[in-house]
C-alpha cells in the first residue's frame, strides 16, 4: 500500500494501469495479487487521498482496459512525494483544474484522438461539454502547436466549436480549424465555473 501511494502521488496527472503496476511489483520479487491492488486503489480513492480519471468512452470495457490518470486530492502531497528537482508546474496546474471541475459538478474524463490526448472533457447536466487542455507555458512555439493540435482534434471528434487552454498567465483567442481555442490564465479561468 505504501508503494502504491508513493508511486501514484509522485507522478500527478500520469497514466497508470493496475496491470502494469502488478507486473512492476512482480519483477521486483514482491508477491501481490491484482485484486489487492484494485482494492488498495479503491481504498485510496475512498479515503480522498487521490482520484482517477478514465478515458472518455461509452463502453465500460474500453474505460476499464485503458490506463487511467491519477491526481492527488491535495496537490501538496504530490510535491511532498516527488523526487523531481523541477517544480513540475504543468502537472500541478492540471491537478488544480481537475479539482475545480469536480467541485463545480462536472464529470471528467480524458480523450485520446489518434496520437493526440486532450487533458479533459468535462460534462455537466445543465451545461454543454467543455474540452480543456492544461499547459503552464505556451510561449514555446512547438508546445503551442502541440497543445492546439490536440484540442483541435478533440473539437472535431466531438463536434464542439470551442475549446479551452488553461495556462498560468497567457490569455488569447486563437482560431483553429472548425472553431476557436480560448487561452485563459488560471486565475481568470477559476473565476468562470460555467465556461
N, C-alpha and C. Protein backbone atom coordinates (compact mmCIF):
# COMPACT_ATOMS: atom_id res chain seq x y z
N UNK A 1 0.83 -1.19 0.00
CA UNK A 1 0.00 0.00 0.00
C UNK A 1 0.87 1.25 0.00
N UNK A 2 1.95 1.24 0.78
CA UNK A 2 2.86 2.39 0.79
C UNK A 2 3.48 2.60 -0.59
N UNK A 3 3.87 1.49 -1.22
CA UNK A 3 4.44 1.59 -2.56
C UNK A 3 3.43 2.19 -3.52
N UNK A 4 2.18 1.75 -3.43
CA UNK A 4 1.11 2.25 -4.30
C UNK A 4 0.92 3.75 -4.08
N UNK A 5 0.89 4.18 -2.83
CA UNK A 5 0.72 5.61 -2.52
C UNK A 5 1.89 6.41 -3.08
N UNK A 6 3.12 5.98 -2.81
CA UNK A 6 4.29 6.71 -3.31
C UNK A 6 4.29 6.77 -4.83
N UNK A 7 4.01 5.67 -5.44
CA UNK A 7 4.04 5.59 -6.90
C UNK A 7 3.01 6.53 -7.53
N UNK A 8 1.80 6.54 -7.01
CA UNK A 8 0.75 7.35 -7.61
C UNK A 8 0.88 8.84 -7.27
N UNK A 9 1.31 9.15 -6.06
CA UNK A 9 1.44 10.56 -5.70
C UNK A 9 2.69 11.21 -6.29
N UNK A 10 3.69 10.41 -6.64
CA UNK A 10 4.91 11.00 -7.19
C UNK A 10 4.79 11.37 -8.66
N UNK A 11 3.70 10.97 -9.29
CA UNK A 11 3.50 11.27 -10.72
C UNK A 11 2.10 11.82 -10.96
N UNK A 12 1.80 13.02 -10.46
CA UNK A 12 0.46 13.56 -10.66
C UNK A 12 0.17 13.75 -12.15
N UNK A 13 -1.07 13.48 -12.52
CA UNK A 13 -1.54 13.59 -13.90
C UNK A 13 -0.93 12.53 -14.81
N UNK A 14 -0.28 11.54 -14.20
CA UNK A 14 0.34 10.49 -15.00
C UNK A 14 -0.62 9.34 -15.26
N UNK A 15 -0.41 8.69 -16.38
CA UNK A 15 -1.21 7.50 -16.69
C UNK A 15 -0.68 6.30 -15.92
N UNK A 16 -1.59 5.44 -15.52
CA UNK A 16 -1.18 4.20 -14.87
C UNK A 16 -2.23 3.13 -15.13
N UNK A 17 -1.80 1.89 -14.98
CA UNK A 17 -2.74 0.77 -15.03
C UNK A 17 -2.35 -0.19 -13.92
N UNK A 18 -3.36 -0.81 -13.34
CA UNK A 18 -3.10 -1.79 -12.28
C UNK A 18 -2.28 -2.94 -12.85
N UNK A 19 -2.54 -3.32 -14.08
CA UNK A 19 -1.80 -4.42 -14.70
C UNK A 19 -0.30 -4.11 -14.77
N UNK A 20 0.05 -2.90 -15.19
CA UNK A 20 1.46 -2.51 -15.25
C UNK A 20 2.07 -2.46 -13.85
N UNK A 21 1.33 -1.93 -12.90
CA UNK A 21 1.79 -1.89 -11.51
C UNK A 21 2.05 -3.29 -10.98
N UNK A 22 1.13 -4.18 -11.28
CA UNK A 22 1.25 -5.59 -10.88
C UNK A 22 2.52 -6.20 -11.46
N UNK A 23 2.76 -5.97 -12.76
CA UNK A 23 3.97 -6.52 -13.40
C UNK A 23 5.24 -5.91 -12.80
N UNK A 24 5.22 -4.60 -12.49
CA UNK A 24 6.38 -3.96 -11.87
C UNK A 24 6.70 -4.58 -10.51
N UNK A 25 5.68 -4.79 -9.71
CA UNK A 25 5.88 -5.38 -8.39
C UNK A 25 6.38 -6.82 -8.49
N UNK A 26 5.83 -7.57 -9.42
CA UNK A 26 6.28 -8.97 -9.62
C UNK A 26 7.74 -9.01 -10.07
N UNK A 27 8.14 -8.06 -10.93
CA UNK A 27 9.53 -8.04 -11.39
C UNK A 27 10.50 -7.70 -10.25
N UNK A 28 9.98 -7.04 -9.20
CA UNK A 28 10.80 -6.73 -8.03
C UNK A 28 10.79 -7.86 -7.01
N UNK A 29 10.10 -8.93 -7.33
CA UNK A 29 10.04 -10.07 -6.43
C UNK A 29 8.99 -9.95 -5.34
N UNK A 30 8.09 -9.01 -5.46
CA UNK A 30 7.02 -8.84 -4.46
C UNK A 30 5.81 -9.65 -4.89
N UNK A 31 5.31 -10.44 -3.96
CA UNK A 31 4.13 -11.24 -4.25
C UNK A 31 2.89 -10.43 -3.91
N UNK A 32 2.12 -10.16 -4.94
CA UNK A 32 0.91 -9.37 -4.77
C UNK A 32 -0.08 -9.77 -5.85
N UNK A 33 -1.36 -9.72 -5.52
CA UNK A 33 -2.39 -10.04 -6.50
C UNK A 33 -3.01 -8.79 -7.07
N UNK A 34 -3.53 -8.89 -8.28
CA UNK A 34 -4.18 -7.74 -8.91
C UNK A 34 -5.40 -7.29 -8.10
N UNK A 35 -6.13 -8.26 -7.54
CA UNK A 35 -7.31 -7.88 -6.74
C UNK A 35 -6.92 -7.01 -5.56
N UNK A 36 -5.79 -7.30 -4.94
CA UNK A 36 -5.32 -6.50 -3.81
C UNK A 36 -4.98 -5.08 -4.28
N UNK A 37 -4.37 -4.95 -5.45
CA UNK A 37 -4.04 -3.63 -5.98
C UNK A 37 -5.30 -2.84 -6.32
N UNK A 38 -6.28 -3.50 -6.92
CA UNK A 38 -7.54 -2.82 -7.21
C UNK A 38 -8.22 -2.36 -5.92
N UNK A 39 -8.25 -3.23 -4.92
CA UNK A 39 -8.86 -2.85 -3.64
C UNK A 39 -8.10 -1.71 -2.98
N UNK A 40 -6.77 -1.77 -3.02
CA UNK A 40 -5.95 -0.70 -2.45
C UNK A 40 -6.24 0.63 -3.12
N UNK A 41 -6.35 0.62 -4.44
CA UNK A 41 -6.67 1.85 -5.18
C UNK A 41 -8.05 2.37 -4.79
N UNK A 42 -9.02 1.48 -4.67
CA UNK A 42 -10.37 1.90 -4.25
C UNK A 42 -10.34 2.52 -2.86
N UNK A 43 -9.56 1.92 -1.95
CA UNK A 43 -9.47 2.47 -0.59
C UNK A 43 -8.82 3.86 -0.60
N UNK A 44 -7.80 4.04 -1.43
CA UNK A 44 -7.15 5.35 -1.51
C UNK A 44 -8.10 6.41 -2.05
N UNK A 45 -8.94 6.03 -3.01
CA UNK A 45 -9.94 6.97 -3.53
C UNK A 45 -11.03 7.22 -2.48
N UNK A 46 -11.47 6.17 -1.79
CA UNK A 46 -12.49 6.33 -0.75
C UNK A 46 -12.01 7.22 0.39
N UNK A 47 -10.71 7.17 0.67
CA UNK A 47 -10.13 7.99 1.74
C UNK A 47 -9.80 9.41 1.25
N UNK A 48 -10.13 9.72 0.00
CA UNK A 48 -9.88 11.04 -0.60
C UNK A 48 -8.40 11.41 -0.58
N UNK A 49 -7.55 10.41 -0.79
CA UNK A 49 -6.13 10.69 -0.94
C UNK A 49 -5.83 11.04 -2.40
N UNK A 50 -6.51 10.35 -3.31
CA UNK A 50 -6.31 10.61 -4.73
C UNK A 50 -7.60 10.32 -5.48
N UNK A 51 -7.61 10.73 -6.73
CA UNK A 51 -8.75 10.47 -7.60
C UNK A 51 -8.21 10.07 -8.97
N UNK A 52 -9.01 9.32 -9.71
CA UNK A 52 -8.58 8.88 -11.03
C UNK A 52 -9.56 9.36 -12.09
N UNK A 53 -9.06 9.46 -13.31
CA UNK A 53 -9.85 9.88 -14.46
C UNK A 53 -9.67 8.83 -15.54
N UNK A 54 -10.79 8.35 -16.07
CA UNK A 54 -10.77 7.33 -17.12
C UNK A 54 -10.82 7.96 -18.49
N UNK A 55 -10.52 7.15 -19.49
CA UNK A 55 -10.63 7.61 -20.87
C UNK A 55 -12.10 7.82 -21.22
N UNK A 56 -12.38 8.76 -22.09
CA UNK A 56 -13.75 9.07 -22.49
C UNK A 56 -14.24 8.03 -23.47
N UNK A 57 -15.24 7.27 -23.05
CA UNK A 57 -15.83 6.26 -23.91
C UNK A 57 -17.18 5.86 -23.34
N UNK A 58 -18.10 5.48 -24.22
CA UNK A 58 -19.40 4.96 -23.78
C UNK A 58 -19.27 3.52 -23.31
N UNK A 59 -18.19 2.85 -23.70
CA UNK A 59 -18.00 1.44 -23.39
C UNK A 59 -17.29 1.26 -22.04
N UNK A 60 -17.92 0.54 -21.15
CA UNK A 60 -17.30 0.24 -19.85
C UNK A 60 -16.02 -0.59 -20.05
N UNK A 61 -16.04 -1.51 -21.02
CA UNK A 61 -14.87 -2.33 -21.28
C UNK A 61 -13.68 -1.48 -21.72
N UNK A 62 -13.93 -0.48 -22.57
CA UNK A 62 -12.86 0.41 -23.04
C UNK A 62 -12.32 1.23 -21.87
N UNK A 63 -13.22 1.75 -21.04
CA UNK A 63 -12.77 2.54 -19.88
C UNK A 63 -11.94 1.68 -18.92
N UNK A 64 -12.36 0.43 -18.72
CA UNK A 64 -11.66 -0.45 -17.78
C UNK A 64 -10.33 -0.94 -18.32
N UNK A 65 -10.22 -1.09 -19.64
CA UNK A 65 -8.99 -1.67 -20.19
C UNK A 65 -7.92 -0.64 -20.54
N UNK A 66 -8.28 0.64 -20.56
CA UNK A 66 -7.30 1.68 -20.87
C UNK A 66 -6.73 2.25 -19.58
N UNK A 67 -5.49 2.76 -19.66
CA UNK A 67 -4.91 3.38 -18.45
C UNK A 67 -5.75 4.55 -17.96
N UNK A 68 -5.69 4.77 -16.66
CA UNK A 68 -6.33 5.93 -16.05
C UNK A 68 -5.26 6.95 -15.71
N UNK A 69 -5.71 8.17 -15.46
CA UNK A 69 -4.80 9.20 -14.99
C UNK A 69 -5.11 9.43 -13.52
N UNK A 70 -4.07 9.60 -12.73
CA UNK A 70 -4.22 9.71 -11.28
C UNK A 70 -3.81 11.10 -10.81
N UNK A 71 -4.60 11.66 -9.90
CA UNK A 71 -4.36 13.00 -9.37
C UNK A 71 -4.50 12.98 -7.85
N UNK A 72 -3.62 13.66 -7.14
CA UNK A 72 -3.80 13.76 -5.69
C UNK A 72 -4.93 14.74 -5.38
N UNK A 73 -5.66 14.47 -4.31
CA UNK A 73 -6.71 15.39 -3.89
C UNK A 73 -6.08 16.67 -3.33
N UNK A 74 -4.93 16.54 -2.71
CA UNK A 74 -4.19 17.69 -2.20
C UNK A 74 -2.91 17.82 -3.02
N UNK A 75 -2.79 18.84 -3.87
CA UNK A 75 -1.59 18.98 -4.71
C UNK A 75 -0.29 19.03 -3.91
N UNK A 76 -0.35 19.46 -2.65
CA UNK A 76 0.85 19.48 -1.82
C UNK A 76 1.41 18.09 -1.56
N UNK A 77 0.54 17.07 -1.57
CA UNK A 77 1.00 15.70 -1.36
C UNK A 77 1.88 15.24 -2.52
N UNK A 78 1.53 15.66 -3.73
CA UNK A 78 2.34 15.29 -4.89
C UNK A 78 3.73 15.89 -4.78
N UNK A 79 3.79 17.13 -4.35
CA UNK A 79 5.09 17.79 -4.19
C UNK A 79 5.91 17.09 -3.10
N UNK A 80 5.26 16.67 -2.04
CA UNK A 80 5.97 16.00 -0.94
C UNK A 80 6.50 14.63 -1.34
N UNK A 81 5.87 13.97 -2.31
CA UNK A 81 6.28 12.63 -2.72
C UNK A 81 7.13 12.62 -3.98
N UNK A 82 7.35 13.77 -4.57
CA UNK A 82 8.09 13.84 -5.82
C UNK A 82 9.60 13.85 -5.57
N UNK A 83 10.31 13.12 -6.41
CA UNK A 83 11.77 13.12 -6.35
C UNK A 83 12.37 14.02 -7.43
N UNK A 84 11.52 14.69 -8.18
CA UNK A 84 11.99 15.54 -9.25
C UNK A 84 12.57 16.83 -8.68
N UNK A 85 13.57 17.34 -9.36
CA UNK A 85 14.15 18.60 -8.91
C UNK A 85 13.40 19.80 -9.48
N UNK A 86 12.72 19.60 -10.62
CA UNK A 86 11.93 20.71 -11.16
C UNK A 86 10.61 20.79 -10.40
N UNK A 87 9.90 21.84 -10.61
CA UNK A 87 8.66 22.06 -9.86
C UNK A 87 7.46 21.33 -10.49
N UNK A 88 7.58 20.86 -11.73
CA UNK A 88 6.50 20.16 -12.41
C UNK A 88 5.20 20.96 -12.37
N UNK A 89 5.31 22.23 -12.70
CA UNK A 89 4.19 23.15 -12.59
C UNK A 89 3.01 22.72 -13.45
N UNK A 90 3.28 22.21 -14.64
CA UNK A 90 2.20 21.81 -15.54
C UNK A 90 1.28 20.75 -14.95
N UNK A 91 1.88 19.73 -14.33
CA UNK A 91 1.06 18.67 -13.74
C UNK A 91 0.32 19.15 -12.49
N UNK A 92 0.92 20.05 -11.75
CA UNK A 92 0.22 20.61 -10.59
C UNK A 92 -0.94 21.49 -11.04
N UNK A 93 -0.75 22.24 -12.13
CA UNK A 93 -1.82 23.06 -12.68
C UNK A 93 -2.95 22.16 -13.20
N UNK A 94 -2.59 21.07 -13.85
CA UNK A 94 -3.59 20.12 -14.34
C UNK A 94 -4.41 19.55 -13.17
N UNK A 95 -3.74 19.25 -12.07
CA UNK A 95 -4.43 18.76 -10.87
C UNK A 95 -5.41 19.81 -10.36
N UNK A 96 -4.98 21.05 -10.32
CA UNK A 96 -5.84 22.15 -9.85
C UNK A 96 -7.08 22.28 -10.72
N UNK A 97 -6.91 22.18 -12.03
CA UNK A 97 -8.03 22.29 -12.96
C UNK A 97 -9.02 21.13 -12.74
N UNK A 98 -8.51 19.92 -12.60
CA UNK A 98 -9.39 18.78 -12.36
C UNK A 98 -10.20 18.97 -11.07
N UNK A 99 -9.53 19.36 -10.00
CA UNK A 99 -10.22 19.53 -8.73
C UNK A 99 -11.29 20.62 -8.82
N UNK A 100 -11.02 21.69 -9.55
CA UNK A 100 -12.03 22.75 -9.73
C UNK A 100 -13.22 22.22 -10.51
N UNK A 101 -12.98 21.49 -11.60
CA UNK A 101 -14.07 20.94 -12.40
C UNK A 101 -14.95 20.01 -11.56
N UNK A 102 -14.33 19.17 -10.77
CA UNK A 102 -15.11 18.25 -9.92
C UNK A 102 -15.92 19.04 -8.89
N UNK A 103 -15.31 20.05 -8.31
CA UNK A 103 -16.01 20.87 -7.31
C UNK A 103 -17.22 21.58 -7.94
N UNK A 104 -17.12 21.93 -9.22
CA UNK A 104 -18.21 22.61 -9.92
C UNK A 104 -19.28 21.64 -10.42
N UNK A 105 -19.11 20.34 -10.17
CA UNK A 105 -20.13 19.37 -10.54
C UNK A 105 -19.96 18.71 -11.89
N UNK A 106 -18.80 18.82 -12.51
CA UNK A 106 -18.56 18.19 -13.81
C UNK A 106 -18.11 16.73 -13.63
N UNK A 107 -18.54 15.89 -14.57
CA UNK A 107 -17.99 14.54 -14.71
C UNK A 107 -16.82 14.69 -15.69
N UNK A 108 -15.66 14.18 -15.32
CA UNK A 108 -14.44 14.46 -16.08
C UNK A 108 -13.80 13.17 -16.57
N UNK A 109 -13.36 13.18 -17.81
CA UNK A 109 -12.55 12.10 -18.37
C UNK A 109 -11.51 12.73 -19.29
N UNK A 110 -10.59 11.92 -19.79
CA UNK A 110 -9.62 12.43 -20.76
C UNK A 110 -9.93 11.80 -22.10
N UNK A 111 -9.46 12.43 -23.17
CA UNK A 111 -9.73 11.95 -24.52
C UNK A 111 -8.45 11.54 -25.23
N UNK A 112 -8.56 10.50 -26.00
CA UNK A 112 -7.48 10.10 -26.89
C UNK A 112 -8.05 10.13 -28.30
N UNK A 113 -7.50 10.99 -29.15
CA UNK A 113 -7.95 11.10 -30.54
C UNK A 113 -6.74 10.84 -31.41
N UNK A 114 -6.63 9.61 -31.89
CA UNK A 114 -5.43 9.23 -32.65
C UNK A 114 -4.20 9.36 -31.77
N UNK A 115 -3.24 10.15 -32.24
CA UNK A 115 -2.00 10.34 -31.47
C UNK A 115 -2.11 11.47 -30.44
N UNK A 116 -3.24 12.16 -30.44
CA UNK A 116 -3.40 13.32 -29.57
C UNK A 116 -4.19 12.98 -28.32
N UNK A 117 -3.82 13.63 -27.22
CA UNK A 117 -4.57 13.50 -25.98
C UNK A 117 -5.09 14.86 -25.56
N UNK A 118 -6.38 14.92 -25.24
CA UNK A 118 -6.98 16.11 -24.67
C UNK A 118 -7.08 15.86 -23.17
N UNK A 119 -6.54 16.78 -22.37
CA UNK A 119 -6.47 16.55 -20.93
C UNK A 119 -7.82 16.24 -20.32
N UNK A 120 -8.84 17.05 -20.64
CA UNK A 120 -10.15 16.83 -20.02
C UNK A 120 -11.29 17.09 -20.99
N UNK A 121 -12.29 16.23 -20.92
CA UNK A 121 -13.60 16.54 -21.46
C UNK A 121 -14.50 16.53 -20.23
N UNK A 122 -15.14 17.66 -19.98
CA UNK A 122 -15.93 17.84 -18.76
C UNK A 122 -17.40 17.97 -19.14
N UNK A 123 -18.24 17.15 -18.51
CA UNK A 123 -19.67 17.16 -18.79
C UNK A 123 -20.44 17.56 -17.54
N UNK A 124 -21.46 18.37 -17.74
CA UNK A 124 -22.31 18.84 -16.66
C UNK A 124 -23.75 18.67 -17.13
N UNK A 125 -24.66 18.25 -16.25
CA UNK A 125 -26.05 18.05 -16.69
C UNK A 125 -26.73 19.29 -17.24
N UNK A 126 -26.32 20.47 -16.80
CA UNK A 126 -27.01 21.70 -17.21
C UNK A 126 -26.22 22.56 -18.18
N UNK A 127 -25.05 22.06 -18.63
CA UNK A 127 -24.20 22.88 -19.50
C UNK A 127 -23.64 22.03 -20.64
N UNK A 128 -23.22 22.68 -21.72
CA UNK A 128 -22.59 21.91 -22.80
C UNK A 128 -21.23 21.37 -22.36
N UNK A 129 -20.74 20.31 -23.03
CA UNK A 129 -19.42 19.76 -22.67
C UNK A 129 -18.31 20.78 -22.92
N UNK A 130 -17.24 20.63 -22.16
CA UNK A 130 -16.07 21.51 -22.30
C UNK A 130 -14.85 20.64 -22.57
N UNK A 131 -14.06 21.05 -23.56
CA UNK A 131 -12.76 20.43 -23.82
C UNK A 131 -11.70 21.35 -23.26
N UNK A 132 -10.80 20.79 -22.45
CA UNK A 132 -9.83 21.62 -21.76
C UNK A 132 -8.44 20.99 -21.84
N UNK A 133 -7.51 21.78 -22.33
CA UNK A 133 -6.09 21.46 -22.28
C UNK A 133 -5.48 22.28 -21.16
N UNK A 134 -4.46 21.73 -20.51
CA UNK A 134 -3.75 22.47 -19.47
C UNK A 134 -2.28 22.53 -19.85
N UNK A 135 -1.73 23.73 -19.90
CA UNK A 135 -0.33 23.93 -20.26
C UNK A 135 0.18 25.15 -19.50
N UNK A 136 1.14 24.96 -18.65
CA UNK A 136 1.63 26.06 -17.81
C UNK A 136 2.14 27.22 -18.65
N UNK A 137 2.88 26.92 -19.73
CA UNK A 137 3.51 27.98 -20.52
C UNK A 137 3.39 27.67 -22.00
N UNK A 138 2.71 28.52 -22.74
CA UNK A 138 2.51 28.33 -24.18
C UNK A 138 3.45 29.18 -25.02
N UNK A 139 4.48 29.73 -24.42
CA UNK A 139 5.36 30.64 -25.17
C UNK A 139 6.26 29.91 -26.17
N UNK A 140 6.56 28.65 -25.94
CA UNK A 140 7.37 27.87 -26.89
C UNK A 140 6.49 27.50 -28.09
N UNK A 141 6.89 27.86 -29.30
CA UNK A 141 6.05 27.59 -30.48
C UNK A 141 5.71 26.11 -30.67
N UNK A 142 6.64 25.22 -30.40
CA UNK A 142 6.36 23.79 -30.55
C UNK A 142 5.30 23.33 -29.55
N UNK A 143 5.39 23.81 -28.33
CA UNK A 143 4.39 23.47 -27.31
C UNK A 143 3.03 24.00 -27.71
N UNK A 144 3.01 25.24 -28.19
CA UNK A 144 1.74 25.87 -28.60
C UNK A 144 1.08 25.05 -29.71
N UNK A 145 1.86 24.67 -30.71
CA UNK A 145 1.32 23.88 -31.82
C UNK A 145 0.79 22.54 -31.33
N UNK A 146 1.55 21.87 -30.47
CA UNK A 146 1.16 20.55 -29.96
C UNK A 146 -0.16 20.63 -29.18
N UNK A 147 -0.26 21.58 -28.28
CA UNK A 147 -1.47 21.72 -27.45
C UNK A 147 -2.68 22.10 -28.28
N UNK A 148 -2.51 23.02 -29.22
CA UNK A 148 -3.64 23.44 -30.05
C UNK A 148 -4.07 22.36 -31.02
N UNK A 149 -3.13 21.57 -31.54
CA UNK A 149 -3.50 20.47 -32.45
C UNK A 149 -4.31 19.42 -31.71
N UNK A 150 -3.92 19.11 -30.48
CA UNK A 150 -4.68 18.13 -29.69
C UNK A 150 -6.09 18.64 -29.41
N UNK A 151 -6.19 19.90 -29.03
CA UNK A 151 -7.51 20.49 -28.76
C UNK A 151 -8.37 20.51 -30.02
N UNK A 152 -7.77 20.88 -31.13
CA UNK A 152 -8.48 20.91 -32.41
C UNK A 152 -9.00 19.51 -32.78
N UNK A 153 -8.17 18.49 -32.59
CA UNK A 153 -8.60 17.11 -32.88
C UNK A 153 -9.77 16.71 -31.99
N UNK A 154 -9.73 17.09 -30.72
CA UNK A 154 -10.82 16.79 -29.81
C UNK A 154 -12.10 17.52 -30.19
N UNK A 155 -11.97 18.78 -30.59
CA UNK A 155 -13.13 19.57 -31.01
C UNK A 155 -13.80 18.93 -32.23
N UNK A 156 -12.99 18.51 -33.19
CA UNK A 156 -13.53 17.86 -34.39
C UNK A 156 -14.22 16.54 -34.03
N UNK A 157 -13.58 15.75 -33.16
CA UNK A 157 -14.12 14.44 -32.79
C UNK A 157 -15.46 14.56 -32.06
N UNK A 158 -15.65 15.62 -31.29
CA UNK A 158 -16.88 15.79 -30.51
C UNK A 158 -17.83 16.84 -31.10
N UNK A 159 -17.43 17.44 -32.22
CA UNK A 159 -18.29 18.43 -32.87
C UNK A 159 -18.50 19.68 -32.03
N UNK A 160 -17.49 20.11 -31.31
CA UNK A 160 -17.60 21.29 -30.46
C UNK A 160 -16.93 22.49 -31.15
N UNK A 161 -17.54 23.66 -31.07
CA UNK A 161 -16.99 24.83 -31.76
C UNK A 161 -15.89 25.54 -30.97
N UNK A 162 -15.69 25.15 -29.72
CA UNK A 162 -14.77 25.88 -28.87
C UNK A 162 -14.07 24.94 -27.89
N UNK A 163 -12.83 25.27 -27.58
CA UNK A 163 -12.08 24.55 -26.56
C UNK A 163 -11.33 25.54 -25.71
N UNK A 164 -10.80 25.07 -24.59
CA UNK A 164 -10.11 25.95 -23.65
C UNK A 164 -8.70 25.44 -23.40
N UNK A 165 -7.78 26.37 -23.22
CA UNK A 165 -6.43 26.04 -22.77
C UNK A 165 -6.18 26.87 -21.51
N UNK A 166 -5.95 26.18 -20.40
CA UNK A 166 -5.66 26.86 -19.14
C UNK A 166 -4.15 26.95 -19.00
N UNK A 167 -3.65 28.16 -18.85
CA UNK A 167 -2.22 28.41 -18.70
C UNK A 167 -1.99 29.09 -17.35
N UNK A 168 -0.74 29.39 -17.05
CA UNK A 168 -0.50 30.16 -15.82
C UNK A 168 -0.93 31.61 -15.99
N UNK A 169 -0.55 32.22 -17.12
CA UNK A 169 -0.82 33.65 -17.26
C UNK A 169 -1.33 34.07 -18.63
N UNK A 170 -1.03 33.33 -19.68
CA UNK A 170 -1.36 33.79 -21.03
C UNK A 170 -2.87 33.80 -21.26
N UNK A 171 -3.35 34.79 -22.00
CA UNK A 171 -4.75 34.88 -22.40
C UNK A 171 -4.77 35.27 -23.88
N UNK A 172 -5.64 34.61 -24.63
CA UNK A 172 -5.72 34.88 -26.06
C UNK A 172 -6.92 34.13 -26.61
N UNK A 173 -7.32 34.47 -27.81
CA UNK A 173 -8.33 33.70 -28.55
C UNK A 173 -7.68 33.33 -29.87
N UNK A 174 -7.58 32.05 -30.14
CA UNK A 174 -6.88 31.55 -31.31
C UNK A 174 -7.85 30.80 -32.20
N UNK A 175 -7.86 31.15 -33.48
CA UNK A 175 -8.70 30.41 -34.43
C UNK A 175 -8.01 29.11 -34.78
N UNK A 176 -8.78 28.03 -34.72
CA UNK A 176 -8.30 26.72 -35.15
C UNK A 176 -9.30 26.19 -36.16
N UNK A 177 -8.91 25.16 -36.87
CA UNK A 177 -9.78 24.60 -37.89
C UNK A 177 -11.11 24.16 -37.26
N UNK A 178 -12.19 24.81 -37.64
CA UNK A 178 -13.50 24.42 -37.14
C UNK A 178 -13.95 25.14 -35.88
N UNK A 179 -13.19 26.13 -35.39
CA UNK A 179 -13.64 26.81 -34.18
C UNK A 179 -12.58 27.72 -33.58
N UNK A 180 -12.63 27.82 -32.26
CA UNK A 180 -11.72 28.72 -31.55
C UNK A 180 -11.21 28.06 -30.28
N UNK A 181 -9.98 28.40 -29.94
CA UNK A 181 -9.37 27.96 -28.68
C UNK A 181 -9.21 29.19 -27.81
N UNK A 182 -9.76 29.13 -26.61
CA UNK A 182 -9.65 30.23 -25.67
C UNK A 182 -8.53 29.94 -24.69
N UNK A 183 -7.48 30.76 -24.72
CA UNK A 183 -6.39 30.63 -23.76
C UNK A 183 -6.72 31.52 -22.58
N UNK A 184 -6.68 30.95 -21.39
CA UNK A 184 -7.01 31.71 -20.19
C UNK A 184 -5.98 31.45 -19.11
N UNK A 185 -5.60 32.51 -18.42
CA UNK A 185 -4.77 32.35 -17.25
C UNK A 185 -5.56 31.62 -16.17
N UNK A 186 -4.88 30.86 -15.33
CA UNK A 186 -5.56 30.04 -14.32
C UNK A 186 -6.43 30.88 -13.40
N UNK A 187 -5.97 32.05 -13.00
CA UNK A 187 -6.75 32.90 -12.12
C UNK A 187 -8.07 33.30 -12.74
N UNK A 188 -8.04 33.69 -13.99
CA UNK A 188 -9.26 34.07 -14.71
C UNK A 188 -10.16 32.85 -14.89
N UNK A 189 -9.57 31.72 -15.27
CA UNK A 189 -10.33 30.50 -15.52
C UNK A 189 -11.07 30.05 -14.25
N UNK A 190 -10.40 30.12 -13.11
CA UNK A 190 -11.00 29.67 -11.85
C UNK A 190 -12.21 30.52 -11.44
N UNK A 191 -12.31 31.73 -11.97
CA UNK A 191 -13.43 32.60 -11.64
C UNK A 191 -14.62 32.38 -12.59
N UNK A 192 -14.50 31.42 -13.51
CA UNK A 192 -15.52 31.21 -14.52
C UNK A 192 -15.97 29.75 -14.53
N UNK A 193 -16.71 29.28 -13.51
CA UNK A 193 -17.06 27.86 -13.43
C UNK A 193 -17.98 27.34 -14.54
N UNK A 194 -18.69 28.21 -15.20
CA UNK A 194 -19.62 27.73 -16.24
C UNK A 194 -19.02 27.68 -17.63
N UNK A 195 -17.76 28.09 -17.75
CA UNK A 195 -17.08 28.02 -19.04
C UNK A 195 -17.30 29.19 -19.94
